Amino acid sequence: MRSQHECAATRRATRALLVALVLVVIWGINFSLQKFVFNVVGPGGFLFARYLIMPACALGLLLWRYGRRFPKITRRDFWALARLGVAGHFLHVGMVTYGIHWSTAFSSSLILACGPIFTLLILRLMGLEPLHKAQIAGVAVAFAGVLVFLSDKLLGGQWLATGGDLFLLVAASFFSYYTVAAKPLIERHGGVLTMAYATLLGSVPVVLFSLPAGLAAPWGDASLVVWLSLVWSVTVSAFLGWLLWGWVNAVRGVARTAPLMYLMPPVAGLVAWLFAGEQYTGIKLAGAALTLVGVALAQFTSGRQALARAAPAPVD
């Protein structure tokens, strides 16, 4: 007979699994939701609004967690957090926003799922992790899948969509850098402080960059549905979603949670097919399947616990 503690732990793990599945659905929907908002205010207007809202959320989180006396950090860690903010918010989120605008919802979700590949390569280049034969094979399979997936766009001369997908690949590499660079800071200061400070510092260049587009955006043409979609995308899908995902990882463990992210591209594809009219050829679906198989092979074949931290990034 199980103890009361074991029963409570089981219920907590079950709740965490349900939260994770709900988040995967929310993030899968968010690709199409963001494109809906972009159609009205543009990607630059969305970025501008997002990074007026995100710092307020980060500041509110710090006040809730620490009150009015925030923990002090060294000058060295301040600049490390600033670099983290630039890589994670200005470069990654900024490039993802324009990449989603230029590409499609399904393509965007699949390309961003390649994040673990770049994390493995960065760890290898930094000499922190060796690449085993199975992982090298997984990298090769994943990139072959991406080429198959993009083949119809390349052959059809859809250069804007193809450029958007390549833009997203580069964006995924910046999140991989963020993943690696954040680890020592999280170990010293905790996830909440690291996330909040990086958000506050990274918001400054994003607001400056997107200011012209934000001021020129036709906000008067935005309906209530557009405003609600924007606020939902920023506060629930992005900010709250990342916080909840961190709680899920703490409860279930990263190694058990990371594979759930590979459900996000099918969800995004289904939503885009139902509501945005996206169409998929057999070659595109085969390329998507091959890509996800390759990423999973590279991520989970060996060194499971160490590599699980390279889980794909949730949608931004």
C-alpha atoms as a PDB file:
ATOM      1  CA  MET A   1       0.000   0.000   0.000  1.00  0.00           C
ATOM      2  CA  ARG A   2       1.419   3.360  -1.019  1.00  0.00           C
ATOM      3  CA  SER A   3       2.105   6.042   1.570  1.00  0.00           C
ATOM      4  CA  GLN A   4       0.305   9.364   1.662  1.00  0.00           C
ATOM      5  CA  HIS A   5       3.494  11.060   0.471  1.00  0.00           C
ATOM      6  CA  GLU A   6       3.730   8.780  -2.581  1.00  0.00           C
ATOM      7  CA  CYS A   7       0.073   9.421  -3.459  1.00  0.00           C
ATOM      8  CA  ALA A   8       0.594  13.185  -3.201  1.00  0.00           C
ATOM      9  CA  ALA A   9       3.690  12.957  -5.398  1.00  0.00           C
ATOM     10  CA  THR A  10       1.745  10.942  -7.987  1.00  0.00           C
ATOM     11  CA  ARG A  11      -1.092  13.495  -8.036  1.00  0.00           C
ATOM     12  CA  ARG A  12       1.453  16.315  -8.415  1.00  0.00           C
ATOM     13  CA  ALA A  13       3.160  14.539 -11.292  1.00  0.00           C
ATOM     14  CA  THR A  14      -0.200  13.952 -12.977  1.00  0.00           C
ATOM     15  CA  ARG A  15      -1.101  17.627 -12.662  1.00  0.00           C
ATOM     16  CA  ALA A  16       2.282  18.570 -14.087  1.00  0.00           C
ATOM     17  CA  LEU A  17       1.722  16.275 -17.086  1.00  0.00           C
ATOM     18  CA  LEU A  18      -1.702  17.810 -17.736  1.00  0.00           C
ATOM     19  CA  VAL A  19      -0.248  21.331 -17.485  1.00  0.00           C
ATOM     20  CA  ALA A  20       2.518  20.353 -19.917  1.00  0.00           C
ATOM     21  CA  LEU A  21       0.029  18.998 -22.449  1.00  0.00           C
ATOM     22  CA  VAL A  22      -2.109  22.142 -22.160  1.00  0.00           C
ATOM     23  CA  LEU A  23       0.987  24.289 -22.724  1.00  0.00           C
ATOM     24  CA  VAL A  24       1.951  22.285 -25.810  1.00  0.00           C
ATOM     25  CA  VAL A  25      -1.517  22.945 -27.240  1.00  0.00           C
ATOM     26  CA  ILE A  26      -1.318  26.659 -26.344  1.00  0.00           C
ATOM     27  CA  TRP A  27       2.107  26.983 -27.971  1.00  0.00           C
ATOM     28  CA  GLY A  28       0.977  25.063 -31.035  1.00  0.00           C
ATOM     29  CA  ILE A  29      -1.982  27.422 -31.456  1.00  0.00           C
ATOM     30  CA  ASN A  30       0.207  30.460 -30.855  1.00  0.00           C
ATOM     31  CA  PHE A  31       1.979  30.199 -34.217  1.00  0.00           C
ATOM     32  CA  SER A  32      -1.266  30.816 -36.098  1.00  0.00           C
ATOM     33  CA  LEU A  33      -2.401  33.337 -33.474  1.00  0.00           C
ATOM     34  CA  GLN A  34       0.723  35.436 -33.933  1.00  0.00           C
ATOM     35  CA  LYS A  35       0.358  35.415 -37.722  1.00  0.00           C
ATOM     36  CA  PHE A  36      -3.227  36.641 -37.231  1.00  0.00           C
ATOM     37  CA  VAL A  37      -1.938  39.603 -35.192  1.00  0.00           C
ATOM     38  CA  PHE A  38       0.892  40.266 -37.679  1.00  0.00           C
ATOM     39  CA  ASN A  39      -1.674  40.663 -40.461  1.00  0.00           C
ATOM     40  CA  VAL A  40      -3.018  43.752 -38.668  1.00  0.00           C
ATOM     41  CA  VAL A  41      -0.117  45.442 -36.840  1.00  0.00           C
ATOM     42  CA  GLY A  42       2.863  43.771 -38.505  1.00  0.00           C
ATOM     43  CA  PRO A  43       5.713  41.854 -36.837  1.00  0.00           C
ATOM     44  CA  GLY A  44       7.443  45.094 -35.778  1.00  0.00           C
ATOM     45  CA  GLY A  45       4.289  46.409 -34.125  1.00  0.00           C
ATOM     46  CA  PHE A  46       3.848  43.098 -32.326  1.00  0.00           C
ATOM     47  CA  LEU A  47       7.453  43.182 -31.062  1.00  0.00           C
ATOM     48  CA  PHE A  48       7.041  46.753 -29.836  1.00  0.00           C
ATOM     49  CA  ALA A  49       3.865  45.916 -27.912  1.00  0.00           C
ATOM     50  CA  ARG A  50       5.318  42.681 -26.583  1.00  0.00           C
ATOM     51  CA  TYR A  51       8.358  44.386 -25.113  1.00  0.00           C
ATOM     52  CA  LEU A  52       6.300  47.036 -23.432  1.00  0.00           C
ATOM     53  CA  ILE A  53       4.311  44.261 -21.743  1.00  0.00           C
ATOM     54  CA  MET A  54       7.092  41.754 -20.991  1.00  0.00           C
ATOM     55  CA  PRO A  55       9.207  44.066 -18.773  1.00  0.00           C
ATOM     56  CA  ALA A  56       6.096  44.900 -16.754  1.00  0.00           C
ATOM     57  CA  CYS A  57       5.491  41.172 -16.264  1.00  0.00           C
ATOM     58  CA  ALA A  58       9.137  40.621 -15.280  1.00  0.00           C
ATOM     59  CA  LEU A  59       9.042  43.507 -12.806  1.00  0.00           C
ATOM     60  CA  GLY A  60       5.794  42.195 -11.323  1.00  0.00           C
ATOM     61  CA  LEU A  61       7.376  38.767 -10.921  1.00  0.00           C
ATOM     62  CA  LEU A  62      10.373  40.247  -9.089  1.00  0.00           C
ATOM     63  CA  LEU A  63       8.128  42.270  -6.778  1.00  0.00           C
ATOM     64  CA  TRP A  64       6.027  39.191  -6.020  1.00  0.00           C
ATOM     65  CA  ARG A  65       9.093  37.059  -5.324  1.00  0.00           C
ATOM     66  CA  TYR A  66      11.424  39.486  -3.542  1.00  0.00           C
ATOM     67  CA  GLY A  67       9.367  42.506  -2.541  1.00  0.00           C
ATOM     68  CA  ARG A  68      10.996  45.903  -3.065  1.00  0.00           C
ATOM     69  CA  ARG A  69      14.519  44.696  -2.287  1.00  0.00           C
ATOM     70  CA  PHE A  70      15.827  42.802  -5.279  1.00  0.00           C
ATOM     71  CA  PRO A  71      18.910  40.594  -4.830  1.00  0.00           C
ATOM     72  CA  LYS A  72      22.187  42.275  -5.743  1.00  0.00           C
ATOM     73  CA  ILE A  73      24.354  40.860  -8.509  1.00  0.00           C
ATOM     74  CA  THR A  74      27.984  41.454  -9.397  1.00  0.00           C
ATOM     75  CA  ARG A  75      28.984  43.657 -12.329  1.00  0.00           C
ATOM     76  CA  ARG A  76      30.258  40.554 -14.112  1.00  0.00           C
ATOM     77  CA  ASP A  77      26.887  38.812 -13.776  1.00  0.00           C
ATOM     78  CA  PHE A  78      25.088  41.999 -14.818  1.00  0.00           C
ATOM     79  CA  TRP A  79      26.864  42.000 -18.156  1.00  0.00           C
ATOM     80  CA  ALA A  80      26.389  38.247 -18.483  1.00  0.00           C
ATOM     81  CA  LEU A  81      22.634  38.749 -17.979  1.00  0.00           C
ATOM     82  CA  ALA A  82      22.701  41.609 -20.495  1.00  0.00           C
ATOM     83  CA  ARG A  83      24.313  39.331 -23.094  1.00  0.00           C
ATOM     84  CA  LEU A  84      21.755  36.688 -22.245  1.00  0.00           C
ATOM     85  CA  GLY A  85      18.930  39.184 -22.733  1.00  0.00           C
ATOM     86  CA  VAL A  86      20.286  40.304 -26.105  1.00  0.00           C
ATOM     87  CA  ALA A  87      20.692  36.723 -27.324  1.00  0.00           C
ATOM     88  CA  GLY A  88      17.384  35.447 -25.954  1.00  0.00           C
ATOM     89  CA  HIS A  89      15.119  38.419 -26.594  1.00  0.00           C
ATOM     90  CA  PHE A  90      16.601  40.824 -29.139  1.00  0.00           C
ATOM     91  CA  LEU A  91      18.120  38.165 -31.422  1.00  0.00           C
ATOM     92  CA  HIS A  92      16.082  35.007 -30.778  1.00  0.00           C
ATOM     93  CA  VAL A  93      12.605  36.451 -30.222  1.00  0.00           C
ATOM     94  CA  GLY A  94      13.121  39.227 -32.754  1.00  0.00           C
ATOM     95  CA  MET A  95      14.225  36.817 -35.470  1.00  0.00           C
ATOM     96  CA  VAL A  96      11.505  34.298 -34.589  1.00  0.00           C
ATOM     97  CA  THR A  97       8.859  37.005 -34.925  1.00  0.00           C
ATOM     98  CA  TYR A  98       9.930  37.980 -38.432  1.00  0.00           C
ATOM     99  CA  GLY A  99      10.610  34.351 -39.378  1.00  0.00           C
ATOM    100  CA  ILE A 100       7.063  33.333 -38.449  1.00  0.00           C
ATOM    101  CA  HIS A 101       5.736  36.308 -40.423  1.00  0.00           C
ATOM    102  CA  TRP A 102       7.666  35.313 -43.564  1.00  0.00           C
ATOM    103  CA  SER A 103       7.058  31.582 -43.225  1.00  0.00           C
ATOM    104  CA  THR A 104       4.050  29.465 -42.218  1.00  0.00           C
ATOM    105  CA  ALA A 105       2.856  28.303 -38.816  1.00  0.00           C
ATOM    106  CA  PHE A 106       3.700  24.633 -39.405  1.00  0.00           C
ATOM    107  CA  SER A 107       7.128  25.383 -40.888  1.00  0.00           C
ATOM    108  CA  SER A 108       7.958  27.709 -38.009  1.00  0.00           C
ATOM    109  CA  SER A 109       7.062  25.156 -35.356  1.00  0.00           C
ATOM    110  CA  LEU A 110       9.122  22.449 -37.055  1.00  0.00           C
ATOM    111  CA  ILE A 111      12.213  24.581 -37.639  1.00  0.00           C
ATOM    112  CA  LEU A 112      12.242  25.765 -34.028  1.00  0.00           C
ATOM    113  CA  ALA A 113      12.083  22.135 -32.906  1.00  0.00           C
ATOM    114  CA  CYS A 114      15.639  21.812 -34.278  1.00  0.00           C
ATOM    115  CA  GLY A 115      16.968  23.810 -31.326  1.00  0.00           C
ATOM    116  CA  PRO A 116      18.530  20.788 -29.566  1.00  0.00           C
ATOM    117  CA  ILE A 117      20.716  20.159 -32.612  1.00  0.00           C
ATOM    118  CA  PHE A 118      22.347  23.560 -32.247  1.00  0.00           C
ATOM    119  CA  THR A 119      22.737  23.120 -28.495  1.00  0.00           C
ATOM    120  CA  LEU A 120      24.636  19.878 -29.053  1.00  0.00           C
ATOM    121  CA  LEU A 121      26.891  21.564 -31.618  1.00  0.00           C
ATOM    122  CA  ILE A 122      27.560  24.530 -29.296  1.00  0.00           C
ATOM    123  CA  LEU A 123      28.394  22.197 -26.408  1.00  0.00           C
ATOM    124  CA  ARG A 124      30.754  20.296 -28.710  1.00  0.00           C
ATOM    125  CA  LEU A 125      32.474  23.470 -29.950  1.00  0.00           C
ATOM    126  CA  MET A 126      32.902  24.663 -26.359  1.00  0.00           C
ATOM    127  CA  GLY A 127      34.391  21.303 -25.401  1.00  0.00           C
ATOM    128  CA  LEU A 128      31.678  20.647 -22.808  1.00  0.00           C
ATOM    129  CA  GLU A 129      30.056  17.596 -24.435  1.00  0.00           C
ATOM    130  CA  PRO A 130      31.378  15.046 -26.937  1.00  0.00           C
ATOM    131  CA  LEU A 131      29.224  14.028 -29.884  1.00  0.00           C
ATOM    132  CA  HIS A 132      28.619  10.291 -30.054  1.00  0.00           C
ATOM    133  CA  LYS A 133      28.071   8.397 -33.288  1.00  0.00           C
ATOM    134  CA  ALA A 134      24.320   8.111 -32.748  1.00  0.00           C
ATOM    135  CA  GLN A 135      24.096  11.840 -32.097  1.00  0.00           C
ATOM    136  CA  ILE A 136      26.034  12.643 -35.269  1.00  0.00           C
ATOM    137  CA  ALA A 137      23.655  10.379 -37.159  1.00  0.00           C
ATOM    138  CA  GLY A 138      20.702  12.159 -35.579  1.00  0.00           C
ATOM    139  CA  VAL A 139      22.081  15.562 -36.623  1.00  0.00           C
ATOM    140  CA  ALA A 140      22.504  14.327 -40.193  1.00  0.00           C
ATOM    141  CA  VAL A 141      18.997  12.856 -40.281  1.00  0.00           C
ATOM    142  CA  ALA A 142      17.458  16.035 -38.861  1.00  0.00           C
ATOM    143  CA  PHE A 143      19.103  18.315 -41.407  1.00  0.00           C
ATOM    144  CA  ALA A 144      18.234  15.916 -44.208  1.00  0.00           C
ATOM    145  CA  GLY A 145      14.636  16.115 -43.006  1.00  0.00           C
ATOM    146  CA  VAL A 146      14.786  19.923 -43.068  1.00  0.00           C
ATOM    147  CA  LEU A 147      16.055  19.851 -46.662  1.00  0.00           C
ATOM    148  CA  VAL A 148      13.254  17.479 -47.663  1.00  0.00           C
ATOM    149  CA  PHE A 149      10.732  19.651 -45.837  1.00  0.00           C
ATOM    150  CA  LEU A 150      11.953  22.798 -47.619  1.00  0.00           C
ATOM    151  CA  SER A 151      12.352  21.139 -51.018  1.00  0.00           C
ATOM    152  CA  ASP A 152       8.900  22.102 -52.301  1.00  0.00           C
ATOM    153  CA  LYS A 153       9.523  25.770 -51.423  1.00  0.00           C
ATOM    154  CA  LEU A 154      12.981  25.724 -53.014  1.00  0.00           C
ATOM    155  CA  LEU A 155      11.779  24.043 -56.192  1.00  0.00           C
ATOM    156  CA  GLY A 156       8.726  26.305 -56.312  1.00  0.00           C
ATOM    157  CA  GLY A 157      10.813  29.473 -55.973  1.00  0.00           C
ATOM    158  CA  GLN A 158       9.099  30.555 -52.744  1.00  0.00           C
ATOM    159  CA  TRP A 159      12.102  32.586 -51.661  1.00  0.00           C
ATOM    160  CA  LEU A 160      10.397  34.671 -48.969  1.00  0.00           C
ATOM    161  CA  ALA A 161       9.037  31.608 -47.154  1.00  0.00           C
ATOM    162  CA  THR A 162      12.359  29.791 -47.584  1.00  0.00           C
ATOM    163  CA  GLY A 163      14.228  32.817 -46.239  1.00  0.00           C
ATOM    164  CA  GLY A 164      11.859  32.882 -43.274  1.00  0.00           C
ATOM    165  CA  ASP A 165      12.636  29.225 -42.509  1.00  0.00           C
ATOM    166  CA  LEU A 166      16.382  29.828 -42.732  1.00  0.00           C
ATOM    167  CA  PHE A 167      15.945  32.898 -40.519  1.00  0.00           C
ATOM    168  CA  LEU A 168      14.212  30.661 -37.980  1.00  0.00           C
ATOM    169  CA  LEU A 169      17.089  28.175 -38.097  1.00  0.00           C
ATOM    170  CA  VAL A 170      19.493  30.949 -37.116  1.00  0.00           C
ATOM    171  CA  ALA A 171      17.040  32.090 -34.431  1.00  0.00           C
ATOM    172  CA  ALA A 172      16.982  28.553 -33.020  1.00  0.00           C
ATOM    173  CA  SER A 173      20.772  28.676 -32.703  1.00  0.00           C
ATOM    174  CA  PHE A 174      20.536  31.827 -30.593  1.00  0.00           C
ATOM    175  CA  PHE A 175      18.113  30.102 -28.204  1.00  0.00           C
ATOM    176  CA  SER A 176      20.593  27.233 -27.967  1.00  0.00           C
ATOM    177  CA  TYR A 177      23.267  29.725 -26.949  1.00  0.00           C
ATOM    178  CA  TYR A 178      20.785  31.156 -24.420  1.00  0.00           C
ATOM    179  CA  THR A 179      20.222  27.650 -23.025  1.00  0.00           C
ATOM    180  CA  VAL A 180      23.932  27.016 -22.515  1.00  0.00           C
ATOM    181  CA  ALA A 181      24.810  30.516 -21.251  1.00  0.00           C
ATOM    182  CA  ALA A 182      21.882  30.637 -18.809  1.00  0.00           C
ATOM    183  CA  LYS A 183      22.854  27.473 -16.947  1.00  0.00           C
ATOM    184  CA  PRO A 184      25.618  28.909 -14.672  1.00  0.00           C
ATOM    185  CA  LEU A 185      23.539  32.033 -14.007  1.00  0.00           C
ATOM    186  CA  ILE A 186      20.513  29.938 -13.009  1.00  0.00           C
ATOM    187  CA  GLU A 187      22.724  27.861 -10.715  1.00  0.00           C
ATOM    188  CA  ARG A 188      23.948  31.036  -8.961  1.00  0.00           C
ATOM    189  CA  HIS A 189      20.777  33.143  -8.893  1.00  0.00           C
ATOM    190  CA  GLY A 190      17.822  30.853  -9.614  1.00  0.00           C
ATOM    191  CA  GLY A 191      15.528  30.674 -12.600  1.00  0.00           C
ATOM    192  CA  VAL A 192      13.167  33.510 -11.642  1.00  0.00           C
ATOM    193  CA  LEU A 193      15.881  36.122 -11.119  1.00  0.00           C
ATOM    194  CA  THR A 194      17.780  35.074 -14.243  1.00  0.00           C
ATOM    195  CA  MET A 195      14.668  35.101 -16.428  1.00  0.00           C
ATOM    196  CA  ALA A 196      13.391  38.410 -15.068  1.00  0.00           C
ATOM    197  CA  TYR A 197      16.703  40.302 -15.278  1.00  0.00           C
ATOM    198  CA  ALA A 198      17.451  38.950 -18.755  1.00  0.00           C
ATOM    199  CA  THR A 199      13.971  40.035 -19.855  1.00  0.00           C
ATOM    200  CA  LEU A 200      14.367  43.547 -18.457  1.00  0.00           C
ATOM    201  CA  LEU A 201      17.834  44.034 -19.962  1.00  0.00           C
ATOM    202  CA  GLY A 202      16.967  42.384 -23.277  1.00  0.00           C
ATOM    203  CA  SER A 203      13.825  44.473 -23.700  1.00  0.00           C
ATOM    204  CA  VAL A 204      15.768  47.726 -24.129  1.00  0.00           C
ATOM    205  CA  PRO A 205      17.291  46.990 -27.578  1.00  0.00           C
ATOM    206  CA  VAL A 206      14.058  45.363 -28.780  1.00  0.00           C
ATOM    207  CA  VAL A 207      11.982  48.455 -27.934  1.00  0.00           C
ATOM    208  CA  LEU A 208      14.538  50.753 -29.587  1.00  0.00           C
ATOM    209  CA  PHE A 209      14.670  48.565 -32.705  1.00  0.00           C
ATOM    210  CA  SER A 210      10.908  48.170 -33.030  1.00  0.00           C
ATOM    211  CA  LEU A 211      10.000  51.745 -32.030  1.00  0.00           C
ATOM    212  CA  PRO A 212       9.511  53.060 -35.610  1.00  0.00           C
ATOM    213  CA  ALA A 213       7.347  50.084 -36.577  1.00  0.00           C
ATOM    214  CA  GLY A 214       5.431  50.313 -33.318  1.00  0.00           C
ATOM    215  CA  LEU A 215       4.623  53.978 -33.792  1.00  0.00           C
ATOM    216  CA  ALA A 216       3.654  53.415 -37.438  1.00  0.00           C
ATOM    217  CA  ALA A 217       1.462  50.359 -36.748  1.00  0.00           C
ATOM    218  CA  PRO A 218      -2.273  50.896 -37.430  1.00  0.00           C
ATOM    219  CA  TRP A 219      -3.371  50.324 -33.855  1.00  0.00           C
ATOM    220  CA  GLY A 220      -6.684  52.004 -34.574  1.00  0.00           C
ATOM    221  CA  ASP A 221      -7.524  49.206 -37.023  1.00  0.00           C
ATOM    222  CA  ALA A 222      -6.928  46.515 -34.392  1.00  0.00           C
ATOM    223  CA  SER A 223     -10.172  44.935 -33.252  1.00  0.00           C
ATOM    224  CA  LEU A 224     -10.849  43.666 -29.747  1.00  0.00           C
ATOM    225  CA  VAL A 225     -10.037  40.143 -30.963  1.00  0.00           C
ATOM    226  CA  VAL A 226      -6.617  41.308 -32.198  1.00  0.00           C
ATOM    227  CA  TRP A 227      -5.864  43.018 -28.874  1.00  0.00           C
ATOM    228  CA  LEU A 228      -6.947  39.970 -26.882  1.00  0.00           C
ATOM    229  CA  SER A 229      -4.862  37.718 -29.133  1.00  0.00           C
ATOM    230  CA  LEU A 230      -1.805  39.935 -28.634  1.00  0.00           C
ATOM    231  CA  VAL A 231      -2.175  40.075 -24.851  1.00  0.00           C
ATOM    232  CA  TRP A 232      -2.816  36.331 -24.667  1.00  0.00           C
ATOM    233  CA  SER A 233       0.237  35.587 -26.829  1.00  0.00           C
ATOM    234  CA  VAL A 234       2.533  37.722 -24.698  1.00  0.00           C
ATOM    235  CA  THR A 235       1.269  37.159 -21.146  1.00  0.00           C
ATOM    236  CA  VAL A 236      -0.150  33.627 -21.222  1.00  0.00           C
ATOM    237  CA  SER A 237       1.652  31.799 -24.025  1.00  0.00           C
ATOM    238  CA  ALA A 238       5.061  33.435 -23.580  1.00  0.00           C
ATOM    239  CA  PHE A 239       5.585  34.741 -20.035  1.00  0.00           C
ATOM    240  CA  LEU A 240       3.276  32.547 -17.956  1.00  0.00           C
ATOM    241  CA  GLY A 241       3.928  29.588 -20.235  1.00  0.00           C
ATOM    242  CA  TRP A 242       7.668  29.715 -19.608  1.00  0.00           C
ATOM    243  CA  LEU A 243       7.134  29.938 -15.851  1.00  0.00           C
ATOM    244  CA  LEU A 244       4.773  26.956 -15.859  1.00  0.00           C
ATOM    245  CA  TRP A 245       7.117  24.970 -18.074  1.00  0.00           C
ATOM    246  CA  GLY A 246       9.872  25.521 -15.526  1.00  0.00           C
ATOM    247  CA  TRP A 247       7.563  24.179 -12.794  1.00  0.00           C
ATOM    248  CA  VAL A 248       6.705  21.155 -14.929  1.00  0.00           C
ATOM    249  CA  ASN A 249      10.398  20.411 -15.468  1.00  0.00           C
ATOM    250  CA  ALA A 250      11.026  20.698 -11.731  1.00  0.00           C
ATOM    251  CA  VAL A 251       8.216  18.231 -10.934  1.00  0.00           C
ATOM    252  CA  ARG A 252       8.631  15.680 -13.728  1.00  0.00           C
ATOM    253  CA  GLY A 253      12.293  16.159 -14.571  1.00  0.00           C
ATOM    254  CA  VAL A 254      13.618  17.642 -17.805  1.00  0.00           C
ATOM    255  CA  ALA A 255      14.386  14.254 -19.353  1.00  0.00           C
ATOM    256  CA  ARG A 256      10.752  13.116 -19.031  1.00  0.00           C
ATOM    257  CA  THR A 257       9.286  16.461 -20.084  1.00  0.00           C
ATOM    258  CA  ALA A 258      11.440  17.408 -23.070  1.00  0.00           C
ATOM    259  CA  PRO A 259       9.955  14.819 -25.489  1.00  0.00           C
ATOM    260  CA  LEU A 260       6.500  16.392 -25.055  1.00  0.00           C
ATOM    261  CA  MET A 261       7.745  19.394 -27.050  1.00  0.00           C
ATOM    262  CA  TYR A 262       7.790  17.226 -30.173  1.00  0.00           C
ATOM    263  CA  LEU A 263       3.991  17.237 -30.045  1.00  0.00           C
ATOM    264  CA  MET A 264       4.064  20.990 -30.776  1.00  0.00           C
ATOM    265  CA  PRO A 265       4.656  20.828 -34.576  1.00  0.00           C
ATOM    266  CA  PRO A 266       1.726  18.406 -35.149  1.00  0.00           C
ATOM    267  CA  VAL A 267      -0.530  20.676 -33.052  1.00  0.00           C
ATOM    268  CA  ALA A 268       0.658  23.772 -34.930  1.00  0.00           C
ATOM    269  CA  GLY A 269       0.164  22.005 -38.256  1.00  0.00           C
ATOM    270  CA  LEU A 270      -3.342  20.849 -37.393  1.00  0.00           C
ATOM    271  CA  VAL A 271      -4.400  24.312 -36.183  1.00  0.00           C
ATOM    272  CA  ALA A 272      -2.940  25.984 -39.285  1.00  0.00           C
ATOM    273  CA  TRP A 273      -4.734  23.466 -41.537  1.00  0.00           C
ATOM    274  CA  LEU A 274      -8.068  23.965 -39.772  1.00  0.00           C
ATOM    275  CA  PHE A 275      -8.044  27.743 -39.360  1.00  0.00           C
ATOM    276  CA  ALA A 276      -5.403  29.224 -41.675  1.00  0.00           C
ATOM    277  CA  GLY A 277      -5.906  27.062 -44.745  1.00  0.00           C
ATOM    278  CA  GLU A 278      -2.368  25.632 -44.843  1.00  0.00           C
ATOM    279  CA  GLN A 279      -1.950  22.625 -47.142  1.00  0.00           C
ATOM    280  CA  TYR A 280       0.651  19.868 -46.773  1.00  0.00           C
ATOM    281  CA  THR A 281       2.088  17.611 -49.438  1.00  0.00           C
ATOM    282  CA  GLY A 282       3.309  14.100 -48.752  1.00  0.00           C
ATOM    283  CA  ILE A 283       6.919  15.261 -49.198  1.00  0.00           C
ATOM    284  CA  LYS A 284       6.448  18.014 -46.620  1.00  0.00           C
ATOM    285  CA  LEU A 285       4.945  15.627 -44.067  1.00  0.00           C
ATOM    286  CA  ALA A 286       7.707  13.079 -44.691  1.00  0.00           C
ATOM    287  CA  GLY A 287      10.353  15.773 -44.224  1.00  0.00           C
ATOM    288  CA  ALA A 288       8.710  16.910 -40.982  1.00  0.00           C
ATOM    289  CA  ALA A 289       8.639  13.357 -39.620  1.00  0.00           C
ATOM    290  CA  LEU A 290      12.268  12.770 -40.635  1.00  0.00           C
ATOM    291  CA  THR A 291      13.352  16.010 -38.947  1.00  0.00           C
ATOM    292  CA  LEU A 292      11.663  15.178 -35.640  1.00  0.00           C
ATOM    293  CA  VAL A 293      13.076  11.636 -35.680  1.00  0.00           C
ATOM    294  CA  GLY A 294      16.578  13.019 -36.248  1.00  0.00           C
ATOM    295  CA  VAL A 295      16.293  15.604 -33.470  1.00  0.00           C
ATOM    296  CA  ALA A 296      14.947  13.009 -31.038  1.00  0.00           C
ATOM    297  CA  LEU A 297      17.730  10.571 -31.990  1.00  0.00           C
ATOM    298  CA  ALA A 298      20.415  13.186 -31.439  1.00  0.00           C
ATOM    299  CA  GLN A 299      18.925  14.380 -28.166  1.00  0.00           C
ATOM    300  CA  PHE A 300      18.071  11.142 -26.395  1.00  0.00           C
ATOM    301  CA  THR A 301      20.391   8.393 -27.648  1.00  0.00           C
ATOM    302  CA  SER A 302      23.120   8.901 -25.031  1.00  0.00           C
ATOM    303  CA  GLY A 303      23.917  11.188 -22.136  1.00  0.00           C
ATOM    304  CA  ARG A 304      20.154  11.479 -21.606  1.00  0.00           C
ATOM    305  CA  GLN A 305      20.223  13.546 -18.478  1.00  0.00           C
ATOM    306  CA  ALA A 306      22.856  15.964 -19.792  1.00  0.00           C
ATOM    307  CA  LEU A 307      21.278  16.396 -23.196  1.00  0.00           C
ATOM    308  CA  ALA A 308      17.709  16.752 -22.051  1.00  0.00           C
ATOM    309  CA  ARG A 309      18.390  20.364 -21.175  1.00  0.00           C
ATOM    310  CA  ALA A 310      18.555  20.978 -24.928  1.00  0.00           C
ATOM    311  CA  ALA A 311      14.798  20.673 -25.278  1.00  0.00           C
ATOM    312  CA  PRO A 312      13.317  22.775 -28.060  1.00  0.00           C
ATOM    313  CA  ALA A 313      12.236  26.248 -27.214  1.00  0.00           C
ATOM    314  CA  PRO A 314       8.592  26.993 -26.688  1.00  0.00           C
ATOM    315  CA  VAL A 315       7.067  29.344 -29.164  1.00  0.00           C
ATOM    316  CA  ASP A 316       7.798  32.974 -28.526  1.00  0.00           C
END
